[in-house]
Protein backbone atom coordinates (compact mmCIF):
# COMPACT_ATOMS: atom_id res chain seq x y z
CA MET A 1 0.34 -15.47 24.16
CA LEU A 2 2.72 -17.11 26.51
CA GLU A 3 4.67 -18.50 23.63
CA SER A 4 5.06 -14.76 22.01
CA LEU A 5 6.13 -13.40 25.16
CA ARG A 6 9.01 -16.06 25.28
CA HIS A 7 10.28 -14.70 22.02
CA ILE A 8 10.54 -11.21 23.27
CA PRO A 9 14.14 -10.22 24.20
CA PHE A 10 12.83 -8.19 27.14
CA PHE A 11 11.27 -11.63 28.50
CA LYS A 12 13.40 -14.23 26.94
CA ASN A 13 14.87 -16.78 29.53
CA LEU A 14 12.66 -15.44 32.46
CA PRO A 15 11.46 -18.19 34.85
CA GLU A 16 8.01 -19.56 33.65
CA ASP A 17 6.34 -18.28 36.82
CA ILE A 18 7.33 -14.92 35.94
CA LEU A 19 6.16 -15.23 32.28
CA LYS A 20 2.77 -16.25 33.61
CA LYS A 21 2.51 -13.15 35.52
CA ILE A 22 3.48 -11.16 32.71
CA GLU A 23 0.80 -12.95 30.72
CA GLU A 24 -1.95 -11.84 33.36
CA ILE A 25 -1.30 -8.20 32.60
CA ALA A 26 -0.96 -8.48 28.79
CA ILE A 27 -3.94 -7.57 26.88
CA PRO A 28 -4.57 -9.13 23.39
CA ILE A 29 -6.14 -6.63 20.71
CA THR A 30 -7.30 -7.38 16.97
CA VAL A 31 -6.69 -4.56 14.50
CA LYS A 32 -8.10 -4.39 11.10
CA LYS A 33 -6.14 -3.32 8.17
CA GLY A 34 -5.60 0.43 7.89
CA GLN A 35 -6.33 0.91 11.60
CA THR A 36 -4.10 3.05 13.52
CA ILE A 37 -2.59 1.68 16.70
CA PHE A 38 -1.20 4.99 18.13
CA THR A 39 -0.19 8.39 16.64
CA LYS A 40 2.90 10.47 16.99
CA ASN A 41 3.23 12.53 20.32
CA SER A 42 0.66 10.57 21.78
CA LYS A 43 1.39 9.54 25.44
CA ALA A 44 3.32 6.24 25.76
CA THR A 45 1.46 4.44 28.32
CA GLY A 46 2.74 0.95 27.37
CA PHE A 47 4.20 -0.88 24.65
CA TYR A 48 3.12 -3.32 22.33
CA ILE A 49 3.96 -6.82 20.67
CA LEU A 50 3.05 -7.73 17.29
CA ASN A 51 1.74 -11.30 17.31
CA LYS A 52 0.36 -11.74 13.75
CA GLY A 53 0.28 -9.58 10.85
CA THR A 54 2.16 -6.58 9.55
CA VAL A 55 2.27 -2.96 10.89
CA LYS A 56 4.19 0.20 9.80
CA LEU A 57 5.94 2.79 11.75
CA TYR A 58 6.02 6.09 9.78
CA THR A 59 6.04 9.85 10.03
CA ILE A 60 4.68 12.58 8.10
CA GLU A 61 6.98 15.34 6.66
CA PRO A 62 5.84 18.75 8.10
CA LEU A 63 6.19 20.45 4.83
CA SER A 64 5.50 18.20 2.00
CA GLY A 65 2.99 16.10 4.05
CA LYS A 66 4.57 13.12 2.48
CA GLU A 67 4.61 9.81 4.38
CA GLN A 68 8.07 8.66 5.37
CA ILE A 69 8.13 5.05 6.48
CA VAL A 70 10.36 4.42 9.45
CA LYS A 71 10.22 0.64 9.75
CA ILE A 72 8.03 -2.34 8.61
CA VAL A 73 7.29 -4.65 11.57
CA LYS A 74 6.78 -8.28 11.46
CA PRO A 75 6.15 -11.04 14.26
CA VAL A 76 7.17 -11.55 16.75
CA THR A 77 8.48 -8.05 17.58
CA LEU A 78 8.32 -5.14 20.28
CA PHE A 79 7.57 -1.79 19.12
CA GLY A 80 6.73 1.42 21.18
CA GLU A 81 8.97 0.01 24.15
CA ALA A 82 11.53 2.83 24.12
CA ALA A 83 8.84 5.65 24.47
CA SER A 84 6.96 3.66 27.13
CA LEU A 85 9.94 2.60 29.49
CA SER A 86 10.94 6.40 29.45
CA GLY A 87 7.45 7.70 30.23
CA GLY A 88 7.55 9.79 27.09
CA TYR A 89 5.62 10.15 23.96
CA PHE A 90 5.62 8.05 20.77
CA PRO A 91 7.98 9.51 18.11
CA VAL A 92 6.01 7.85 15.30
CA ASN A 93 2.60 6.81 13.96
CA VAL A 94 1.69 3.19 13.80
CA GLU A 95 -0.76 1.78 11.31
CA ALA A 96 -1.73 -1.95 10.51
CA LEU A 97 -1.01 -3.11 6.90
CA GLU A 98 -3.26 -6.13 7.26
CA ASP A 99 -5.53 -7.60 9.88
CA SER A 100 -3.28 -8.21 12.92
CA GLU A 101 -2.90 -9.42 16.52
CA ILE A 102 -1.06 -7.29 18.96
CA ILE A 103 -0.54 -7.58 22.73
CA TYR A 104 -0.47 -4.66 24.85
CA ILE A 105 1.64 -4.30 28.04
CA ASP A 106 0.69 -1.44 30.32
CA ARG A 107 3.86 0.47 31.52
CA GLU A 108 2.47 1.07 35.13
CA LYS A 109 1.41 -2.85 35.59
CA LEU A 110 4.77 -3.80 34.26
CA LEU A 111 6.79 -1.74 36.64
CA ASN A 112 4.72 -2.89 39.60
CA LEU A 113 5.39 -6.38 38.65
CA ALA A 114 9.03 -5.78 38.09
CA GLN A 115 9.05 -4.53 42.00
CA LYS A 116 7.89 -7.98 42.91
CA TYR A 117 10.09 -9.88 40.45
CA PRO A 118 13.61 -7.99 40.01
CA GLN A 119 14.54 -10.44 37.34
CA ILE A 120 12.34 -8.34 34.93
CA CYS A 121 14.29 -5.29 35.62
CA PHE A 122 17.57 -7.22 35.27
CA ARG A 123 16.40 -8.70 31.91
CA ILE A 124 15.28 -5.44 30.36
CA SER A 125 18.44 -3.64 31.68
CA GLU A 126 20.70 -6.25 29.64
CA VAL A 127 18.63 -5.89 26.50
CA LEU A 128 19.01 -2.03 26.75
CA ALA A 129 22.59 -2.30 27.47
CA GLU A 130 23.11 -4.61 24.62
CA ARG A 131 21.05 -1.97 22.08
CA LEU A 132 23.44 0.82 23.39
CA TYR A 133 26.41 -1.14 22.74
CA HIS A 134 25.36 -1.67 19.10
CA LEU A 135 24.39 1.75 18.73
CA VAL A 136 27.82 2.91 19.92
CA ASN A 137 29.44 0.80 17.52
CA LEU A 138 27.06 1.96 14.49
CA VAL A 139 27.69 5.59 15.57
CA GLU A 140 31.75 5.06 15.50
CA THR A 141 31.24 3.21 12.04
CA LEU A 142 29.30 6.28 10.73
CA ILE A 143 31.82 8.75 12.20
CA ILE A 144 34.70 6.97 10.58
CA SER A 145 32.80 6.41 7.27
CA SER A 146 32.04 10.33 7.02
CA ALA A 147 35.57 11.18 8.47
CA VAL A 148 37.73 9.14 5.94
CA PRO A 149 36.86 11.35 2.81
CA ARG A 150 37.21 14.53 5.00
CA VAL A 151 40.67 13.52 6.10
CA ALA A 152 41.58 12.51 2.50
CA LYS A 153 40.40 15.89 1.17
CA TYR A 154 42.61 17.83 3.94
CA LEU A 155 45.57 15.65 2.65
CA LEU A 156 45.04 16.69 -0.84
CA GLN A 157 44.71 20.21 -0.22
CA HIS A 158 47.94 20.31 1.87
CA GLN A 159 50.21 17.96 0.11
CA LYS A 160 53.16 19.25 -1.89
CA ASN A 161 54.89 16.95 -4.35
CA GLY A 162 52.52 13.97 -2.81
CA VAL A 163 53.76 14.80 0.82
CA VAL A 164 52.00 16.30 3.78
CA GLU A 165 54.56 17.64 6.28
CA GLU A 166 54.07 18.47 10.04
CA PHE A 167 50.60 16.65 10.24
CA LYS A 168 49.35 17.29 13.71
CA THR A 169 46.28 15.09 14.46
CA THR A 170 44.75 17.26 17.19
CA LEU A 171 45.02 20.40 15.01
CA VAL A 172 43.72 18.76 12.00
CA ALA A 173 40.78 17.33 14.25
CA ASN A 174 39.90 21.02 15.22
CA ILE A 175 39.89 22.03 11.70
CA LEU A 176 37.50 19.22 10.50
CA GLY A 177 35.27 19.25 13.27
CA LEU A 178 36.35 15.87 14.24
CA THR A 179 37.77 13.90 17.22
CA PRO A 180 41.36 13.14 17.11
CA GLU A 181 40.57 9.59 17.48
CA ALA A 182 38.23 9.70 14.33
CA VAL A 183 41.24 11.45 12.47
CA SER A 184 43.72 8.61 13.56
CA ARG A 185 41.41 5.88 12.59
CA SER A 186 40.68 7.63 9.40
CA LEU A 187 44.54 7.69 8.63
CA ALA A 188 44.87 4.06 9.49
CA THR A 189 42.05 3.10 7.27
CA LEU A 190 43.94 5.05 4.27
CA ARG A 191 47.20 3.33 5.23
CA ASP A 192 45.68 -0.23 5.43
CA SER A 193 44.15 0.55 1.89
CA GLY A 194 47.64 1.33 0.59
CA LEU A 195 46.59 5.00 -0.10
CA ILE A 196 49.18 6.64 2.12
CA ARG A 197 52.35 6.03 4.11
CA LYS A 198 52.64 7.88 7.46
CA ASP A 199 55.84 8.20 9.49
CA LYS A 200 55.42 10.28 12.59
CA LYS A 201 54.24 13.80 11.16
CA ARG A 202 55.08 13.10 7.61
CA ILE A 203 52.24 11.59 5.44
CA GLU A 204 53.21 10.43 1.87
CA ILE A 205 50.33 9.88 -0.71
CA LEU A 206 50.75 6.77 -2.56
CA ASN A 207 47.75 6.95 -4.74
CA GLU A 208 46.25 10.18 -5.42
CA ASN A 209 43.81 9.30 -7.79
CA ALA A 210 42.17 6.67 -5.24
CA LEU A 211 42.39 9.37 -2.65
CA ARG A 212 40.53 11.82 -4.91
CA GLY A 213 37.86 8.97 -5.58
CA LEU A 214 37.17 8.83 -1.84
CA VAL A 215 36.51 12.52 -1.57
CA GLY A 216 33.68 12.55 -4.05
CA ASP A 217 31.45 15.71 -3.28
CA PHE A 218 33.06 16.54 0.02
């Protein structure tokens, strides 16, 4: 079990003596194929580490009753940690897809241990900060990917003879429900792709067909 703890981001690179203290509060559990580990909206009193086997995280569509798989978890992986650390409720159901071995770590016991060994808090904070950083980048990417066709559509709708005059970034952002930064990045993407040329407030469309191809169903 100690080896599995070493592979978990929360505990990676912690001193051996602290890892052994965590091992003392860790509870090994064996689950059978088809067994439910926890259900959606149940209180998250701790989190889990999949040591062996496979589990699925899923929800049930309220109207259709259809199962929607959120994630398939393989060893050695944490699950349920976000809800547990926030003291909230699990947002998904978890079921074993095969006979599996999991490790349960009680939230309160870990917090008590973290008071004695602050390195635990520092390490968990580092991991959560890294996740937040990647999440912000992902959101930014998604915003840009959805903003580009909207900006392209605006240009097509407001062009005259292939030119959009008096393009005001802030005004267009308000019209499209975007941030000025998202509009600016979208224009940069279109420019770098060779679809437009921008000169202050004047935008010239260089490839109208390609621009229309970006718009699609927007």
